[in-house]
Amino acid sequence: MQRDEQNLKEPSPATSSSSSPSTSSSKAPGETEPEDSKPSKTQQLKKVFKEYGAVGVSFHITISLMSLGMFYLLVSSGIDMAAILCKLGFSESVVQSKMAAGTSTFFLAYAVHKLFAPVRMSVTLVSVPLIVRYLRKTGLFKPPTPAP
């Protein structure tokens, strides 16, 4: 109840004294955030998929499948993934929520795989432009057509 009262007291984005009079609800779905705020990993990934097409999608799917397979092998070999994830800096509550007791090997591997989604997205965001640049340099890909 107190949280609702605090939300009522806080100024809304529409009434704040920002330089832009528009609110986030008036933006079209395809518009990006202002330049001062960094786009999320998901937004960056969508941009890479749009810009590089099949190479971006193929690379991301490949590393996702490799990641899932690797975590499945680790979990099925008996490695205590909860202890490793806690040592890597994940909070114990997040690890325990993803790894319910008595879950199957696949679901446990999938939960760990999902925890590492930001890492996979970062690898894709860095690697795909380098791969496309190399493929264009070797002549396997055509250079981008200039905008009219």
N, C-alpha and C. Protein backbone atom coordinates (compact mmCIF):
# COMPACT_ATOMS: atom_id res chain seq x y z
N MET A 1 0.81 -1.18 0.00
CA MET A 1 0.00 0.00 0.00
C MET A 1 0.86 1.26 0.00
N GLN A 2 1.95 1.24 0.79
CA GLN A 2 2.83 2.39 0.83
C GLN A 2 3.52 2.62 -0.50
N ARG A 3 3.82 1.53 -1.20
CA ARG A 3 4.48 1.64 -2.50
C ARG A 3 3.57 2.36 -3.49
N ASP A 4 2.26 2.07 -3.47
CA ASP A 4 1.33 2.76 -4.35
C ASP A 4 1.29 4.25 -4.03
N GLU A 5 1.34 4.60 -2.72
CA GLU A 5 1.34 6.00 -2.34
C GLU A 5 2.60 6.69 -2.82
N GLN A 6 3.75 6.00 -2.76
CA GLN A 6 4.99 6.59 -3.23
C GLN A 6 4.94 6.82 -4.74
N ASN A 7 4.36 5.85 -5.47
CA ASN A 7 4.24 6.01 -6.92
C ASN A 7 3.37 7.19 -7.28
N LEU A 8 2.34 7.47 -6.45
CA LEU A 8 1.48 8.60 -6.73
C LEU A 8 2.20 9.92 -6.47
N LYS A 9 3.11 9.94 -5.51
CA LYS A 9 3.83 11.16 -5.17
C LYS A 9 4.94 11.47 -6.16
N GLU A 10 5.51 10.43 -6.81
CA GLU A 10 6.59 10.67 -7.76
C GLU A 10 6.05 11.28 -9.04
N PRO A 11 6.77 12.25 -9.62
CA PRO A 11 6.30 12.84 -10.87
C PRO A 11 6.39 11.83 -12.00
N SER A 12 5.39 11.87 -12.83
CA SER A 12 5.40 10.95 -13.97
C SER A 12 6.30 11.51 -15.06
N PRO A 13 6.76 10.65 -15.99
CA PRO A 13 7.64 11.15 -17.06
C PRO A 13 7.00 12.24 -17.90
N ALA A 14 5.68 12.24 -18.01
CA ALA A 14 5.00 13.23 -18.84
C ALA A 14 5.03 14.61 -18.18
N THR A 15 5.05 14.64 -16.82
CA THR A 15 5.03 15.92 -16.14
C THR A 15 6.39 16.40 -15.71
N SER A 16 7.42 15.60 -15.89
CA SER A 16 8.76 16.00 -15.47
C SER A 16 9.29 17.06 -16.43
N SER A 17 10.33 17.75 -15.99
CA SER A 17 10.87 18.84 -16.80
C SER A 17 11.97 18.35 -17.72
N SER A 18 11.70 17.35 -18.50
CA SER A 18 12.69 16.87 -19.46
C SER A 18 12.61 17.68 -20.73
N SER A 19 13.64 17.58 -21.54
CA SER A 19 13.69 18.37 -22.75
C SER A 19 12.75 17.83 -23.82
N SER A 20 12.36 16.59 -23.70
CA SER A 20 11.46 15.98 -24.68
C SER A 20 10.07 15.88 -24.09
N PRO A 21 9.06 16.48 -24.72
CA PRO A 21 7.72 16.45 -24.17
C PRO A 21 7.02 15.10 -24.36
N SER A 22 7.53 14.24 -25.18
CA SER A 22 6.85 12.98 -25.44
C SER A 22 7.16 11.96 -24.35
N THR A 23 6.24 11.05 -24.14
CA THR A 23 6.43 9.99 -23.16
C THR A 23 6.77 8.71 -23.87
N SER A 24 7.20 7.73 -23.08
CA SER A 24 7.58 6.46 -23.69
C SER A 24 6.38 5.74 -24.27
N SER A 25 5.17 6.04 -23.78
CA SER A 25 3.98 5.36 -24.31
C SER A 25 3.60 5.90 -25.67
N SER A 26 4.08 7.11 -26.02
CA SER A 26 3.73 7.67 -27.32
C SER A 26 4.71 7.28 -28.41
N LYS A 27 5.75 6.50 -28.05
CA LYS A 27 6.73 6.08 -29.04
C LYS A 27 6.17 4.95 -29.88
N ALA A 28 6.57 4.93 -31.11
CA ALA A 28 6.22 3.81 -31.96
C ALA A 28 7.07 2.61 -31.56
N PRO A 29 6.60 1.38 -31.81
CA PRO A 29 7.35 0.20 -31.39
C PRO A 29 8.76 0.14 -31.98
N GLY A 30 8.99 0.67 -33.14
CA GLY A 30 10.29 0.57 -33.79
C GLY A 30 11.27 1.65 -33.38
N GLU A 31 10.81 2.68 -32.62
CA GLU A 31 11.69 3.77 -32.25
C GLU A 31 12.66 3.33 -31.17
N THR A 32 13.84 3.95 -31.19
CA THR A 32 14.85 3.61 -30.19
C THR A 32 14.79 4.60 -29.04
N GLU A 33 15.51 4.28 -27.99
CA GLU A 33 15.59 5.13 -26.81
C GLU A 33 16.43 6.36 -27.13
N PRO A 34 16.37 7.38 -26.30
CA PRO A 34 17.23 8.55 -26.52
C PRO A 34 18.70 8.15 -26.48
N GLU A 35 19.54 9.01 -27.06
CA GLU A 35 20.95 8.68 -27.19
C GLU A 35 21.65 8.54 -25.85
N ASP A 36 21.18 9.22 -24.81
CA ASP A 36 21.86 9.16 -23.53
C ASP A 36 21.66 7.83 -22.80
N SER A 37 20.62 7.07 -23.15
CA SER A 37 20.42 5.77 -22.52
C SER A 37 20.88 4.67 -23.47
N LYS A 38 21.62 3.74 -22.91
CA LYS A 38 22.18 2.65 -23.71
C LYS A 38 21.10 1.60 -23.98
N PRO A 39 20.98 1.13 -25.23
CA PRO A 39 19.98 0.11 -25.51
C PRO A 39 20.32 -1.20 -24.79
N SER A 40 19.29 -1.97 -24.49
CA SER A 40 19.49 -3.23 -23.79
C SER A 40 20.15 -4.24 -24.73
N LYS A 41 20.63 -5.34 -24.14
CA LYS A 41 21.27 -6.39 -24.94
C LYS A 41 20.29 -6.94 -25.97
N THR A 42 19.04 -7.09 -25.58
CA THR A 42 18.04 -7.62 -26.50
C THR A 42 17.84 -6.69 -27.68
N GLN A 43 17.78 -5.38 -27.42
CA GLN A 43 17.63 -4.41 -28.51
C GLN A 43 18.86 -4.43 -29.42
N GLN A 44 20.04 -4.54 -28.82
CA GLN A 44 21.26 -4.60 -29.61
C GLN A 44 21.28 -5.87 -30.46
N LEU A 45 20.82 -6.99 -29.89
CA LEU A 45 20.79 -8.25 -30.61
C LEU A 45 19.82 -8.17 -31.80
N LYS A 46 18.67 -7.55 -31.61
CA LYS A 46 17.72 -7.38 -32.71
C LYS A 46 18.32 -6.53 -33.82
N LYS A 47 19.08 -5.50 -33.43
CA LYS A 47 19.74 -4.66 -34.43
C LYS A 47 20.76 -5.46 -35.24
N VAL A 48 21.54 -6.32 -34.55
CA VAL A 48 22.53 -7.16 -35.23
C VAL A 48 21.82 -8.12 -36.18
N PHE A 49 20.71 -8.72 -35.73
CA PHE A 49 19.96 -9.64 -36.60
C PHE A 49 19.43 -8.92 -37.83
N LYS A 50 18.96 -7.69 -37.63
CA LYS A 50 18.43 -6.93 -38.76
C LYS A 50 19.54 -6.53 -39.73
N GLU A 51 20.68 -6.13 -39.17
CA GLU A 51 21.77 -5.65 -40.00
C GLU A 51 22.52 -6.78 -40.71
N TYR A 52 22.75 -7.89 -40.02
CA TYR A 52 23.58 -8.96 -40.58
C TYR A 52 22.79 -10.20 -40.98
N GLY A 53 21.51 -10.22 -40.72
CA GLY A 53 20.63 -11.27 -41.22
C GLY A 53 20.97 -12.68 -40.77
N ALA A 54 21.07 -13.57 -41.75
CA ALA A 54 21.23 -14.99 -41.50
C ALA A 54 22.52 -15.31 -40.75
N VAL A 55 23.57 -14.55 -40.97
CA VAL A 55 24.83 -14.81 -40.28
C VAL A 55 24.64 -14.60 -38.77
N GLY A 56 23.99 -13.52 -38.39
CA GLY A 56 23.76 -13.24 -36.98
C GLY A 56 22.88 -14.28 -36.32
N VAL A 57 21.79 -14.63 -36.98
CA VAL A 57 20.86 -15.62 -36.43
C VAL A 57 21.55 -16.98 -36.34
N SER A 58 22.22 -17.38 -37.40
CA SER A 58 22.90 -18.68 -37.41
C SER A 58 23.96 -18.77 -36.33
N PHE A 59 24.76 -17.72 -36.18
CA PHE A 59 25.81 -17.73 -35.17
C PHE A 59 25.21 -17.82 -33.77
N HIS A 60 24.17 -17.04 -33.50
CA HIS A 60 23.57 -17.05 -32.16
C HIS A 60 22.92 -18.39 -31.84
N ILE A 61 22.24 -18.97 -32.80
CA ILE A 61 21.63 -20.29 -32.58
C ILE A 61 22.72 -21.34 -32.34
N THR A 62 23.80 -21.25 -33.11
CA THR A 62 24.90 -22.22 -32.94
C THR A 62 25.52 -22.13 -31.56
N ILE A 63 25.84 -20.93 -31.11
CA ILE A 63 26.45 -20.84 -29.78
C ILE A 63 25.45 -21.18 -28.68
N SER A 64 24.16 -20.94 -28.92
CA SER A 64 23.15 -21.32 -27.93
C SER A 64 23.06 -22.83 -27.80
N LEU A 65 23.07 -23.53 -28.93
CA LEU A 65 23.02 -24.99 -28.89
C LEU A 65 24.29 -25.58 -28.28
N MET A 66 25.43 -24.98 -28.60
CA MET A 66 26.68 -25.44 -27.99
C MET A 66 26.68 -25.21 -26.48
N SER A 67 26.16 -24.08 -26.06
CA SER A 67 26.08 -23.77 -24.64
C SER A 67 25.18 -24.76 -23.91
N LEU A 68 24.01 -25.01 -24.48
CA LEU A 68 23.09 -25.97 -23.87
C LEU A 68 23.71 -27.35 -23.79
N GLY A 69 24.37 -27.79 -24.85
CA GLY A 69 25.03 -29.09 -24.85
C GLY A 69 26.15 -29.17 -23.83
N MET A 70 26.93 -28.10 -23.72
CA MET A 70 28.02 -28.08 -22.75
C MET A 70 27.49 -28.16 -21.32
N PHE A 71 26.45 -27.38 -21.03
CA PHE A 71 25.90 -27.42 -19.67
C PHE A 71 25.22 -28.75 -19.39
N TYR A 72 24.62 -29.37 -20.40
CA TYR A 72 24.03 -30.69 -20.21
C TYR A 72 25.11 -31.71 -19.84
N LEU A 73 26.24 -31.66 -20.56
CA LEU A 73 27.35 -32.57 -20.23
C LEU A 73 27.88 -32.33 -18.82
N LEU A 74 28.01 -31.07 -18.43
CA LEU A 74 28.50 -30.77 -17.09
C LEU A 74 27.54 -31.27 -16.01
N VAL A 75 26.25 -31.03 -16.20
CA VAL A 75 25.27 -31.46 -15.20
C VAL A 75 25.18 -32.97 -15.15
N SER A 76 25.16 -33.62 -16.32
CA SER A 76 25.03 -35.07 -16.34
C SER A 76 26.27 -35.79 -15.83
N SER A 77 27.42 -35.10 -15.83
CA SER A 77 28.63 -35.73 -15.32
C SER A 77 28.74 -35.62 -13.80
N GLY A 78 27.79 -34.92 -13.18
CA GLY A 78 27.74 -34.87 -11.73
C GLY A 78 28.38 -33.66 -11.10
N ILE A 79 28.74 -32.68 -11.88
CA ILE A 79 29.35 -31.46 -11.33
C ILE A 79 28.27 -30.65 -10.60
N ASP A 80 28.61 -30.16 -9.42
CA ASP A 80 27.69 -29.36 -8.62
C ASP A 80 27.62 -27.94 -9.20
N MET A 81 26.67 -27.71 -10.09
CA MET A 81 26.56 -26.42 -10.78
C MET A 81 26.15 -25.31 -9.83
N ALA A 82 25.36 -25.62 -8.80
CA ALA A 82 24.93 -24.58 -7.85
C ALA A 82 26.14 -23.96 -7.16
N ALA A 83 27.07 -24.79 -6.72
CA ALA A 83 28.27 -24.27 -6.04
C ALA A 83 29.13 -23.45 -7.00
N ILE A 84 29.27 -23.91 -8.23
CA ILE A 84 30.08 -23.18 -9.21
C ILE A 84 29.46 -21.83 -9.53
N LEU A 85 28.13 -21.80 -9.72
CA LEU A 85 27.47 -20.54 -10.04
C LEU A 85 27.56 -19.55 -8.88
N CYS A 86 27.47 -20.04 -7.66
CA CYS A 86 27.62 -19.15 -6.50
C CYS A 86 29.03 -18.58 -6.44
N LYS A 87 30.04 -19.39 -6.79
CA LYS A 87 31.42 -18.91 -6.81
C LYS A 87 31.64 -17.89 -7.93
N LEU A 88 30.88 -18.00 -9.01
CA LEU A 88 31.00 -17.06 -10.13
C LEU A 88 30.32 -15.73 -9.86
N GLY A 89 29.60 -15.64 -8.74
CA GLY A 89 29.00 -14.36 -8.38
C GLY A 89 27.49 -14.30 -8.49
N PHE A 90 26.84 -15.37 -8.92
CA PHE A 90 25.38 -15.38 -8.95
C PHE A 90 24.87 -15.47 -7.52
N SER A 91 23.80 -14.76 -7.22
CA SER A 91 23.26 -14.83 -5.86
C SER A 91 22.64 -16.20 -5.63
N GLU A 92 22.71 -16.64 -4.40
CA GLU A 92 22.22 -17.98 -4.07
C GLU A 92 20.72 -18.09 -4.31
N SER A 93 19.98 -17.01 -4.09
CA SER A 93 18.53 -17.05 -4.30
C SER A 93 18.19 -17.26 -5.77
N VAL A 94 18.95 -16.61 -6.68
CA VAL A 94 18.72 -16.78 -8.12
C VAL A 94 19.05 -18.20 -8.53
N VAL A 95 20.15 -18.72 -8.04
CA VAL A 95 20.57 -20.08 -8.39
C VAL A 95 19.54 -21.09 -7.90
N GLN A 96 19.09 -20.93 -6.66
CA GLN A 96 18.13 -21.88 -6.11
C GLN A 96 16.77 -21.77 -6.80
N SER A 97 16.39 -20.58 -7.24
CA SER A 97 15.11 -20.44 -7.93
C SER A 97 15.15 -21.10 -9.31
N LYS A 98 16.32 -21.08 -9.95
CA LYS A 98 16.44 -21.71 -11.26
C LYS A 98 16.63 -23.22 -11.15
N MET A 99 17.15 -23.68 -10.03
CA MET A 99 17.48 -25.09 -9.86
C MET A 99 16.66 -25.70 -8.74
N ALA A 100 15.43 -26.03 -9.02
CA ALA A 100 14.58 -26.65 -8.02
C ALA A 100 15.06 -28.08 -7.77
N ALA A 101 14.90 -28.52 -6.55
CA ALA A 101 15.34 -29.88 -6.18
C ALA A 101 14.52 -30.91 -6.94
N GLY A 102 15.18 -31.92 -7.42
CA GLY A 102 14.50 -33.01 -8.10
C GLY A 102 14.21 -32.79 -9.57
N THR A 103 14.76 -31.75 -10.17
CA THR A 103 14.53 -31.51 -11.58
C THR A 103 15.37 -32.46 -12.41
N SER A 104 14.95 -32.67 -13.64
CA SER A 104 15.69 -33.57 -14.52
C SER A 104 16.99 -32.92 -14.95
N THR A 105 17.88 -33.72 -15.49
CA THR A 105 19.19 -33.23 -15.94
C THR A 105 19.04 -32.16 -17.01
N PHE A 106 18.14 -32.39 -17.96
CA PHE A 106 17.96 -31.43 -19.04
C PHE A 106 17.46 -30.09 -18.52
N PHE A 107 16.48 -30.11 -17.65
CA PHE A 107 15.93 -28.85 -17.15
C PHE A 107 16.94 -28.11 -16.28
N LEU A 108 17.74 -28.82 -15.56
CA LEU A 108 18.80 -28.20 -14.77
C LEU A 108 19.83 -27.54 -15.70
N ALA A 109 20.22 -28.27 -16.76
CA ALA A 109 21.15 -27.71 -17.74
C ALA A 109 20.54 -26.50 -18.45
N TYR A 110 19.25 -26.56 -18.73
CA TYR A 110 18.57 -25.45 -19.40
C TYR A 110 18.53 -24.22 -18.49
N ALA A 111 18.32 -24.44 -17.18
CA ALA A 111 18.30 -23.32 -16.23
C ALA A 111 19.66 -22.62 -16.18
N VAL A 112 20.73 -23.39 -16.15
CA VAL A 112 22.07 -22.81 -16.15
C VAL A 112 22.32 -22.10 -17.48
N HIS A 113 21.89 -22.71 -18.57
CA HIS A 113 22.00 -22.12 -19.90
C HIS A 113 21.30 -20.76 -19.94
N LYS A 114 20.13 -20.64 -19.34
CA LYS A 114 19.39 -19.38 -19.32
C LYS A 114 20.11 -18.33 -18.47
N LEU A 115 20.77 -18.75 -17.41
CA LEU A 115 21.52 -17.79 -16.58
C LEU A 115 22.66 -17.14 -17.37
N PHE A 116 23.19 -17.86 -18.35
CA PHE A 116 24.31 -17.35 -19.14
C PHE A 116 23.85 -16.67 -20.44
N ALA A 117 22.58 -16.36 -20.57
CA ALA A 117 22.08 -15.68 -21.78
C ALA A 117 22.79 -14.35 -22.04
N PRO A 118 23.03 -13.51 -21.04
CA PRO A 118 23.74 -12.25 -21.33
C PRO A 118 25.14 -12.46 -21.90
N VAL A 119 25.80 -13.52 -21.47
CA VAL A 119 27.13 -13.83 -22.00
C VAL A 119 27.03 -14.21 -23.47
N ARG A 120 26.05 -15.06 -23.81
CA ARG A 120 25.88 -15.47 -25.21
C ARG A 120 25.52 -14.28 -26.09
N MET A 121 24.67 -13.39 -25.58
CA MET A 121 24.30 -12.21 -26.36
C MET A 121 25.52 -11.32 -26.60
N SER A 122 26.34 -11.16 -25.59
CA SER A 122 27.55 -10.34 -25.74
C SER A 122 28.51 -10.94 -26.75
N VAL A 123 28.67 -12.25 -26.71
CA VAL A 123 29.55 -12.92 -27.67
C VAL A 123 29.02 -12.72 -29.09
N THR A 124 27.70 -12.83 -29.26
CA THR A 124 27.11 -12.62 -30.58
C THR A 124 27.31 -11.19 -31.05
N LEU A 125 27.07 -10.23 -30.16
CA LEU A 125 27.20 -8.82 -30.54
C LEU A 125 28.62 -8.45 -30.96
N VAL A 126 29.60 -9.08 -30.34
CA VAL A 126 30.99 -8.79 -30.68
C VAL A 126 31.44 -9.58 -31.90
N SER A 127 31.05 -10.84 -32.00
CA SER A 127 31.59 -11.74 -33.03
C SER A 127 30.97 -11.56 -34.41
N VAL A 128 29.68 -11.33 -34.49
CA VAL A 128 29.01 -11.30 -35.80
C VAL A 128 29.57 -10.21 -36.71
N PRO A 129 29.75 -8.97 -36.24
CA PRO A 129 30.34 -7.98 -37.16
C PRO A 129 31.74 -8.37 -37.63
N LEU A 130 32.53 -9.01 -36.78
CA LEU A 130 33.86 -9.45 -37.18
C LEU A 130 33.78 -10.57 -38.23
N ILE A 131 32.85 -11.49 -38.04
CA ILE A 131 32.68 -12.59 -39.00
C ILE A 131 32.23 -12.06 -40.34
N VAL A 132 31.25 -11.16 -40.33
CA VAL A 132 30.75 -10.60 -41.60
C VAL A 132 31.84 -9.80 -42.29
N ARG A 133 32.62 -9.03 -41.53
CA ARG A 133 33.72 -8.27 -42.13
C ARG A 133 34.72 -9.22 -42.79
N TYR A 134 35.05 -10.33 -42.13
CA TYR A 134 35.98 -11.30 -42.70
C TYR A 134 35.40 -11.93 -43.96
N LEU A 135 34.12 -12.30 -43.92
CA LEU A 135 33.49 -12.93 -45.09
C LEU A 135 33.42 -11.96 -46.27
N ARG A 136 33.23 -10.68 -46.00
CA ARG A 136 33.22 -9.68 -47.08
C ARG A 136 34.62 -9.48 -47.64
N LYS A 137 35.61 -9.52 -46.76
CA LYS A 137 36.99 -9.34 -47.20
C LYS A 137 37.43 -10.50 -48.09
N THR A 138 37.01 -11.72 -47.78
CA THR A 138 37.39 -12.89 -48.57
C THR A 138 36.54 -13.04 -49.82
N GLY A 139 35.49 -12.23 -49.96
CA GLY A 139 34.67 -12.28 -51.16
C GLY A 139 33.49 -13.24 -51.07
N LEU A 140 33.26 -13.84 -49.91
CA LEU A 140 32.12 -14.74 -49.77
C LEU A 140 30.81 -13.99 -49.58
N PHE A 141 30.90 -12.76 -49.13
CA PHE A 141 29.72 -11.91 -48.96
C PHE A 141 29.89 -10.65 -49.76
N LYS A 142 28.80 -10.15 -50.29
CA LYS A 142 28.85 -8.88 -51.00
C LYS A 142 28.90 -7.75 -49.99
N PRO A 143 29.61 -6.67 -50.33
CA PRO A 143 29.59 -5.51 -49.43
C PRO A 143 28.18 -4.93 -49.37
N PRO A 144 27.85 -4.23 -48.30
CA PRO A 144 26.50 -3.66 -48.18
C PRO A 144 26.27 -2.61 -49.26
N THR A 145 25.03 -2.58 -49.74
CA THR A 145 24.68 -1.57 -50.74
C THR A 145 24.48 -0.24 -50.04
N PRO A 146 25.01 0.85 -50.60
CA PRO A 146 24.83 2.15 -49.94
C PRO A 146 23.36 2.58 -50.00
N ALA A 147 22.96 3.28 -48.97
CA ALA A 147 21.58 3.78 -48.91
C ALA A 147 21.39 4.87 -49.94
N PRO A 148 20.24 4.91 -50.61
CA PRO A 148 20.00 5.93 -51.66
C PRO A 148 19.87 7.31 -51.12
